[in-house]
């Protein structure tokens, strides 16, 4: 290999290393709802970011969406007051979404059937604060 080609190859390698291209971390796999979980989705019709919930959450503050197999819209956003649909893969219990924290249904709540899926109603779409399976 000639000196000019070696220099060009070395320059290209240095540029790639300096830009991080050669060592970029692999992309994270998109999440999907699986057995036992109930998933809140950032968009209607189970699209966009996903929050996989196991058990009860009395306040969605600080919980965030991640990219899902149905898109990444909303990934990184807080779950509280940002859910549009719910998809339950809990084959034993219904799941209720509450307008208020601490499972308070005073303003509004919506129950999703066993292994059910629904868009949240007008009272709860982007107005969700807590959620839990029945019986907890």
N, C-alpha and C. Protein backbone atom coordinates (compact mmCIF):
# COMPACT_ATOMS: atom_id res chain seq x y z
N UNK A 1 0.85 -1.17 0.00
CA UNK A 1 0.00 0.00 0.00
C UNK A 1 0.89 1.23 0.00
N UNK A 2 0.57 2.19 -0.83
CA UNK A 2 1.38 3.40 -0.94
C UNK A 2 1.22 4.26 0.30
N UNK A 3 2.14 5.15 0.50
CA UNK A 3 2.12 6.05 1.66
C UNK A 3 0.87 6.91 1.65
N UNK A 4 0.47 7.40 0.49
CA UNK A 4 -0.72 8.27 0.43
C UNK A 4 -1.98 7.48 0.78
N UNK A 5 -2.04 6.20 0.37
CA UNK A 5 -3.21 5.38 0.73
C UNK A 5 -3.22 5.08 2.23
N UNK A 6 -2.05 4.79 2.80
CA UNK A 6 -1.98 4.55 4.24
C UNK A 6 -2.42 5.79 5.02
N UNK A 7 -1.97 6.94 4.57
CA UNK A 7 -2.34 8.19 5.23
C UNK A 7 -3.85 8.41 5.13
N UNK A 8 -4.43 8.16 3.97
CA UNK A 8 -5.87 8.34 3.78
C UNK A 8 -6.65 7.36 4.66
N UNK A 9 -6.19 6.11 4.74
CA UNK A 9 -6.86 5.11 5.57
C UNK A 9 -6.76 5.49 7.05
N UNK A 10 -5.58 5.95 7.47
CA UNK A 10 -5.40 6.36 8.86
C UNK A 10 -6.27 7.57 9.18
N UNK A 11 -6.38 8.51 8.26
CA UNK A 11 -7.22 9.70 8.47
C UNK A 11 -8.69 9.31 8.58
N UNK A 12 -9.13 8.38 7.73
CA UNK A 12 -10.53 7.92 7.78
C UNK A 12 -10.82 7.21 9.10
N UNK A 13 -9.89 6.38 9.56
CA UNK A 13 -10.06 5.68 10.84
C UNK A 13 -10.11 6.68 11.99
N UNK A 14 -9.22 7.66 11.98
CA UNK A 14 -9.21 8.66 13.04
C UNK A 14 -10.52 9.45 13.05
N UNK A 15 -11.04 9.78 11.89
CA UNK A 15 -12.31 10.52 11.82
C UNK A 15 -13.45 9.67 12.37
N UNK A 16 -13.46 8.40 12.02
CA UNK A 16 -14.52 7.51 12.50
C UNK A 16 -14.44 7.35 14.02
N UNK A 17 -13.23 7.17 14.54
CA UNK A 17 -13.07 7.01 15.99
C UNK A 17 -13.44 8.29 16.72
N UNK A 18 -13.05 9.42 16.16
CA UNK A 18 -13.36 10.70 16.78
C UNK A 18 -14.84 11.01 16.79
N UNK A 19 -15.58 10.52 15.82
CA UNK A 19 -17.01 10.80 15.75
C UNK A 19 -17.83 9.81 16.56
N UNK A 20 -17.19 8.72 17.01
CA UNK A 20 -17.92 7.72 17.77
C UNK A 20 -18.65 6.71 16.90
N UNK A 21 -18.51 6.81 15.61
CA UNK A 21 -19.22 5.91 14.70
C UNK A 21 -18.78 4.47 14.91
N UNK A 22 -17.49 4.25 15.06
CA UNK A 22 -16.98 2.89 15.15
C UNK A 22 -17.39 2.21 16.46
N UNK A 23 -17.65 2.99 17.49
CA UNK A 23 -17.95 2.41 18.78
C UNK A 23 -19.33 2.81 19.31
N UNK A 24 -20.24 3.15 18.45
CA UNK A 24 -21.59 3.52 18.89
C UNK A 24 -22.23 2.30 19.55
N UNK A 25 -22.93 2.51 20.68
CA UNK A 25 -23.58 1.36 21.33
C UNK A 25 -24.71 0.82 20.47
N UNK A 26 -25.03 -0.45 20.59
CA UNK A 26 -26.12 -1.00 19.80
C UNK A 26 -27.45 -0.39 20.24
N UNK A 27 -28.38 -0.30 19.32
CA UNK A 27 -29.70 0.24 19.64
C UNK A 27 -30.40 -0.67 20.64
N UNK A 28 -31.13 -0.05 21.55
CA UNK A 28 -31.89 -0.83 22.51
C UNK A 28 -33.09 -1.47 21.83
N UNK A 29 -33.41 -2.67 22.23
CA UNK A 29 -34.56 -3.36 21.66
C UNK A 29 -35.84 -2.67 22.12
N UNK A 30 -36.80 -2.58 21.24
CA UNK A 30 -38.09 -1.98 21.58
C UNK A 30 -38.86 -2.91 22.50
N UNK A 31 -39.55 -2.33 23.48
CA UNK A 31 -40.32 -3.11 24.45
C UNK A 31 -41.66 -3.53 23.85
N UNK A 32 -42.19 -4.60 24.37
CA UNK A 32 -43.54 -5.02 24.00
C UNK A 32 -44.23 -5.57 25.23
N UNK A 33 -45.54 -5.52 25.22
CA UNK A 33 -46.31 -6.01 26.35
C UNK A 33 -46.28 -7.55 26.32
N UNK A 34 -46.05 -8.14 27.49
CA UNK A 34 -45.95 -9.59 27.58
C UNK A 34 -46.82 -10.11 28.71
N UNK A 35 -46.99 -11.40 28.77
CA UNK A 35 -47.88 -12.05 29.74
C UNK A 35 -47.63 -11.56 31.16
N UNK A 36 -48.71 -11.25 31.85
CA UNK A 36 -48.66 -10.81 33.23
C UNK A 36 -48.63 -9.30 33.40
N UNK A 37 -48.27 -8.57 32.37
CA UNK A 37 -48.17 -7.12 32.44
C UNK A 37 -49.43 -6.45 31.90
N UNK A 38 -49.67 -5.24 32.38
CA UNK A 38 -50.63 -4.35 31.76
C UNK A 38 -49.81 -3.17 31.26
N UNK A 39 -50.05 -2.77 30.04
CA UNK A 39 -49.23 -1.73 29.43
C UNK A 39 -50.04 -0.50 29.09
N UNK A 40 -49.52 0.65 29.50
CA UNK A 40 -50.10 1.93 29.14
C UNK A 40 -49.33 2.43 27.93
N UNK A 41 -50.07 2.98 26.97
CA UNK A 41 -49.46 3.46 25.74
C UNK A 41 -49.62 4.97 25.63
N UNK A 42 -48.62 5.60 25.08
CA UNK A 42 -48.60 7.05 24.91
C UNK A 42 -49.67 7.51 23.91
N UNK A 43 -49.92 6.73 22.90
CA UNK A 43 -50.92 7.08 21.88
C UNK A 43 -52.11 6.14 21.91
N UNK A 44 -53.18 6.55 21.27
CA UNK A 44 -54.37 5.71 21.12
C UNK A 44 -54.04 4.49 20.28
N UNK A 45 -54.86 3.49 20.38
CA UNK A 45 -54.76 2.26 19.60
C UNK A 45 -53.43 1.54 19.82
N UNK A 46 -52.88 1.68 21.08
CA UNK A 46 -51.71 0.90 21.52
C UNK A 46 -50.46 1.23 20.70
N UNK A 47 -50.33 2.49 20.34
CA UNK A 47 -49.19 2.95 19.54
C UNK A 47 -48.27 3.81 20.40
N UNK A 48 -47.05 3.98 19.91
CA UNK A 48 -46.09 4.86 20.56
C UNK A 48 -45.42 4.21 21.76
N UNK A 49 -44.86 5.05 22.62
CA UNK A 49 -44.15 4.59 23.80
C UNK A 49 -45.03 3.71 24.69
N UNK A 50 -44.35 2.90 25.50
CA UNK A 50 -45.05 1.92 26.34
C UNK A 50 -44.50 1.98 27.77
N UNK A 51 -45.39 1.78 28.72
CA UNK A 51 -45.01 1.61 30.12
C UNK A 51 -45.55 0.26 30.56
N UNK A 52 -44.66 -0.66 30.87
CA UNK A 52 -45.05 -2.00 31.31
C UNK A 52 -45.24 -1.99 32.81
N UNK A 53 -46.46 -2.29 33.24
CA UNK A 53 -46.77 -2.26 34.67
C UNK A 53 -47.08 -3.65 35.19
N UNK A 54 -46.43 -3.99 36.29
CA UNK A 54 -46.68 -5.24 37.02
C UNK A 54 -47.17 -4.82 38.39
N UNK A 55 -48.38 -5.20 38.76
CA UNK A 55 -48.91 -4.81 40.07
C UNK A 55 -49.49 -3.41 40.04
N UNK A 56 -49.50 -2.76 41.19
CA UNK A 56 -50.14 -1.46 41.30
C UNK A 56 -49.11 -0.34 41.36
N UNK A 57 -49.53 0.82 40.86
CA UNK A 57 -48.71 2.03 40.95
C UNK A 57 -49.63 3.14 41.44
N UNK A 58 -49.36 3.65 42.63
CA UNK A 58 -50.24 4.64 43.25
C UNK A 58 -50.03 6.05 42.72
N UNK A 59 -48.91 6.28 42.01
CA UNK A 59 -48.64 7.59 41.43
C UNK A 59 -47.65 7.40 40.27
N UNK A 60 -48.08 7.75 39.07
CA UNK A 60 -47.23 7.56 37.89
C UNK A 60 -46.13 8.62 37.76
N UNK A 61 -46.09 9.60 38.68
CA UNK A 61 -45.02 10.60 38.65
C UNK A 61 -43.67 9.90 38.68
N UNK A 62 -42.78 10.29 37.80
CA UNK A 62 -41.44 9.71 37.76
C UNK A 62 -41.32 8.44 36.94
N UNK A 63 -42.44 7.87 36.50
CA UNK A 63 -42.43 6.69 35.62
C UNK A 63 -42.40 7.21 34.18
N UNK A 64 -41.66 6.56 33.31
CA UNK A 64 -41.54 7.06 31.94
C UNK A 64 -41.80 5.97 30.89
N UNK A 65 -42.21 6.43 29.72
CA UNK A 65 -42.41 5.55 28.58
C UNK A 65 -41.08 5.21 27.93
N UNK A 66 -41.02 4.03 27.32
CA UNK A 66 -39.89 3.62 26.50
C UNK A 66 -40.42 3.30 25.11
N UNK A 67 -39.53 3.26 24.14
CA UNK A 67 -39.94 2.91 22.78
C UNK A 67 -40.52 1.50 22.77
N UNK A 68 -41.55 1.30 21.97
CA UNK A 68 -42.18 -0.01 21.88
C UNK A 68 -42.08 -0.54 20.47
N UNK A 69 -42.53 -1.77 20.30
CA UNK A 69 -42.57 -2.35 18.96
C UNK A 69 -43.60 -1.62 18.09
N UNK A 70 -44.44 -0.78 18.71
CA UNK A 70 -45.44 -0.01 17.97
C UNK A 70 -45.07 1.46 17.85
N UNK A 71 -43.80 1.80 18.06
CA UNK A 71 -43.34 3.16 17.86
C UNK A 71 -42.66 3.75 19.06
N UNK A 72 -42.05 4.91 18.85
CA UNK A 72 -41.29 5.55 19.93
C UNK A 72 -41.86 6.90 20.33
N UNK A 73 -42.98 7.32 19.77
CA UNK A 73 -43.57 8.60 20.16
C UNK A 73 -43.84 8.57 21.66
N UNK A 74 -43.38 9.58 22.38
CA UNK A 74 -43.58 9.66 23.81
C UNK A 74 -42.51 9.00 24.65
N UNK A 75 -41.57 8.29 24.03
CA UNK A 75 -40.49 7.65 24.80
C UNK A 75 -39.75 8.73 25.58
N UNK A 76 -39.55 8.49 26.88
CA UNK A 76 -38.90 9.45 27.74
C UNK A 76 -39.88 10.37 28.46
N UNK A 77 -41.12 10.42 28.01
CA UNK A 77 -42.14 11.25 28.66
C UNK A 77 -42.67 10.55 29.90
N UNK A 78 -43.15 11.34 30.84
CA UNK A 78 -43.73 10.77 32.06
C UNK A 78 -45.06 10.09 31.74
N UNK A 79 -45.36 9.04 32.47
CA UNK A 79 -46.61 8.29 32.27
C UNK A 79 -47.79 9.08 32.82
N UNK A 80 -47.57 9.78 33.93
CA UNK A 80 -48.67 10.54 34.55
C UNK A 80 -49.20 11.59 33.58
N UNK A 81 -50.50 11.53 33.35
CA UNK A 81 -51.23 12.46 32.48
C UNK A 81 -50.78 12.40 31.02
N UNK A 82 -50.30 11.23 30.59
CA UNK A 82 -49.89 11.06 29.20
C UNK A 82 -50.33 9.75 28.58
N UNK A 83 -51.19 8.99 29.21
CA UNK A 83 -51.63 7.71 28.64
C UNK A 83 -52.86 7.92 27.76
N UNK A 84 -52.91 7.20 26.65
CA UNK A 84 -54.07 7.28 25.76
C UNK A 84 -54.75 5.93 25.58
N UNK A 85 -54.04 4.82 25.83
CA UNK A 85 -54.65 3.50 25.68
C UNK A 85 -53.97 2.51 26.62
N UNK A 86 -54.69 1.43 26.88
CA UNK A 86 -54.22 0.39 27.81
C UNK A 86 -54.42 -0.97 27.17
N UNK A 87 -53.40 -1.81 27.29
CA UNK A 87 -53.44 -3.16 26.74
C UNK A 87 -53.02 -4.10 27.86
N UNK A 88 -53.93 -4.96 28.30
CA UNK A 88 -53.64 -5.85 29.43
C UNK A 88 -53.32 -7.26 28.97
N UNK A 89 -52.19 -7.74 29.44
CA UNK A 89 -51.81 -9.13 29.22
C UNK A 89 -51.87 -9.89 30.54
N UNK A 90 -52.69 -9.36 31.47
CA UNK A 90 -52.96 -10.04 32.74
C UNK A 90 -54.19 -10.90 32.49
N UNK A 91 -54.01 -12.21 32.53
CA UNK A 91 -55.09 -13.14 32.19
C UNK A 91 -55.93 -13.53 33.39
N UNK A 92 -55.70 -12.86 34.54
CA UNK A 92 -56.43 -13.20 35.75
C UNK A 92 -57.24 -12.05 36.34
N UNK A 93 -56.85 -10.81 36.06
CA UNK A 93 -57.48 -9.68 36.73
C UNK A 93 -57.80 -8.55 35.76
N UNK A 94 -58.86 -7.83 36.10
CA UNK A 94 -59.15 -6.58 35.40
C UNK A 94 -58.13 -5.54 35.87
N UNK A 95 -58.06 -4.43 35.14
CA UNK A 95 -57.13 -3.36 35.49
C UNK A 95 -57.88 -2.04 35.46
N UNK A 96 -57.69 -1.22 36.48
CA UNK A 96 -58.37 0.07 36.53
C UNK A 96 -57.37 1.20 36.50
N UNK A 97 -57.64 2.19 35.65
CA UNK A 97 -56.86 3.42 35.55
C UNK A 97 -57.65 4.51 36.28
N UNK A 98 -56.95 5.30 37.09
CA UNK A 98 -57.59 6.33 37.90
C UNK A 98 -57.12 7.73 37.50
N UNK A 99 -58.03 8.67 37.54
CA UNK A 99 -57.74 10.08 37.28
C UNK A 99 -56.82 10.63 38.37
N UNK A 100 -57.06 10.22 39.62
CA UNK A 100 -56.30 10.72 40.76
C UNK A 100 -55.26 9.72 41.24
N UNK A 101 -54.32 10.21 42.03
CA UNK A 101 -53.34 9.35 42.68
C UNK A 101 -54.04 8.47 43.71
N UNK A 102 -53.34 7.44 44.14
CA UNK A 102 -53.80 6.56 45.22
C UNK A 102 -55.13 5.88 44.93
N UNK A 103 -55.38 5.59 43.67
CA UNK A 103 -56.54 4.79 43.25
C UNK A 103 -57.87 5.45 43.65
N UNK A 104 -57.92 6.75 43.55
CA UNK A 104 -59.11 7.51 43.91
C UNK A 104 -59.97 7.70 42.66
N UNK A 105 -61.18 7.17 42.70
CA UNK A 105 -62.10 7.23 41.56
C UNK A 105 -63.12 8.37 41.69
N UNK A 106 -62.87 9.30 42.58
CA UNK A 106 -63.79 10.39 42.83
C UNK A 106 -64.10 11.20 41.56
N UNK A 107 -63.11 11.47 40.74
CA UNK A 107 -63.32 12.24 39.50
C UNK A 107 -63.64 11.30 38.35
N UNK A 108 -62.79 10.30 38.13
CA UNK A 108 -63.01 9.36 37.03
C UNK A 108 -62.09 8.15 37.18
N UNK A 109 -62.53 7.03 36.65
CA UNK A 109 -61.71 5.83 36.54
C UNK A 109 -62.30 4.97 35.42
N UNK A 110 -61.49 4.07 34.90
CA UNK A 110 -61.93 3.20 33.81
C UNK A 110 -61.32 1.83 34.02
N UNK A 111 -62.16 0.80 33.94
CA UNK A 111 -61.70 -0.57 34.13
C UNK A 111 -61.58 -1.27 32.79
N UNK A 112 -60.44 -1.91 32.60
CA UNK A 112 -60.14 -2.69 31.40
C UNK A 112 -60.35 -4.15 31.78
N UNK A 113 -61.07 -4.89 30.99
CA UNK A 113 -61.36 -6.29 31.29
C UNK A 113 -60.13 -7.17 31.30
N UNK A 114 -60.30 -8.38 31.82
CA UNK A 114 -59.23 -9.37 31.86
C UNK A 114 -58.70 -9.56 30.43
N UNK A 115 -57.39 -9.42 30.29
CA UNK A 115 -56.73 -9.54 28.97
C UNK A 115 -57.39 -8.63 27.93
N UNK A 116 -57.87 -7.48 28.37
CA UNK A 116 -58.55 -6.54 27.47
C UNK A 116 -57.65 -5.43 26.99
N UNK A 117 -58.19 -4.65 26.08
CA UNK A 117 -57.47 -3.50 25.55
C UNK A 117 -58.50 -2.43 25.18
N UNK A 118 -58.22 -1.19 25.56
CA UNK A 118 -59.13 -0.09 25.27
C UNK A 118 -58.36 1.22 25.16
N UNK A 119 -58.91 2.12 24.34
CA UNK A 119 -58.47 3.50 24.40
C UNK A 119 -59.09 4.09 25.66
N UNK A 120 -58.38 5.00 26.32
CA UNK A 120 -58.95 5.63 27.50
C UNK A 120 -60.06 6.60 27.08
N UNK A 121 -61.10 6.70 27.92
CA UNK A 121 -62.22 7.58 27.60
C UNK A 121 -61.79 9.04 27.73
N UNK A 122 -62.67 9.95 27.33
CA UNK A 122 -62.35 11.38 27.29
C UNK A 122 -61.96 11.92 28.67
N UNK A 123 -62.50 11.35 29.74
CA UNK A 123 -62.16 11.82 31.09
C UNK A 123 -60.75 11.42 31.51
N UNK A 124 -60.25 10.34 30.96
CA UNK A 124 -58.95 9.82 31.40
C UNK A 124 -57.82 9.98 30.40
N UNK A 125 -58.12 10.16 29.13
CA UNK A 125 -57.05 10.30 28.14
C UNK A 125 -56.19 11.50 28.52
N UNK A 126 -54.92 11.24 28.75
CA UNK A 126 -53.96 12.25 29.20
C UNK A 126 -54.33 12.85 30.55
N UNK A 127 -55.07 12.12 31.35
CA UNK A 127 -55.44 12.52 32.71
C UNK A 127 -55.37 11.32 33.65
N UNK A 128 -54.31 10.58 33.60
CA UNK A 128 -54.16 9.37 34.41
C UNK A 128 -53.10 9.59 35.48
N UNK A 129 -53.41 9.14 36.70
CA UNK A 129 -52.45 9.34 37.79
C UNK A 129 -52.05 8.07 38.51
N UNK A 130 -52.89 7.02 38.44
CA UNK A 130 -52.55 5.76 39.11
C UNK A 130 -53.29 4.61 38.42
N UNK A 131 -52.87 3.38 38.74
CA UNK A 131 -53.52 2.22 38.14
C UNK A 131 -53.19 0.95 38.91
N UNK A 132 -54.15 0.02 38.88
CA UNK A 132 -53.92 -1.26 39.58
C UNK A 132 -54.84 -2.35 39.08
N UNK A 133 -54.39 -3.59 39.20
CA UNK A 133 -55.27 -4.73 38.92
C UNK A 133 -56.32 -4.83 40.02
N UNK A 134 -57.45 -5.40 39.72
CA UNK A 134 -58.48 -5.60 40.74
C UNK A 134 -57.96 -6.53 41.83
N UNK A 135 -58.42 -6.32 43.03
CA UNK A 135 -58.06 -7.19 44.13
C UNK A 135 -56.77 -6.84 44.83
N UNK A 136 -56.08 -5.80 44.41
CA UNK A 136 -54.83 -5.40 45.10
C UNK A 136 -55.08 -4.20 45.97
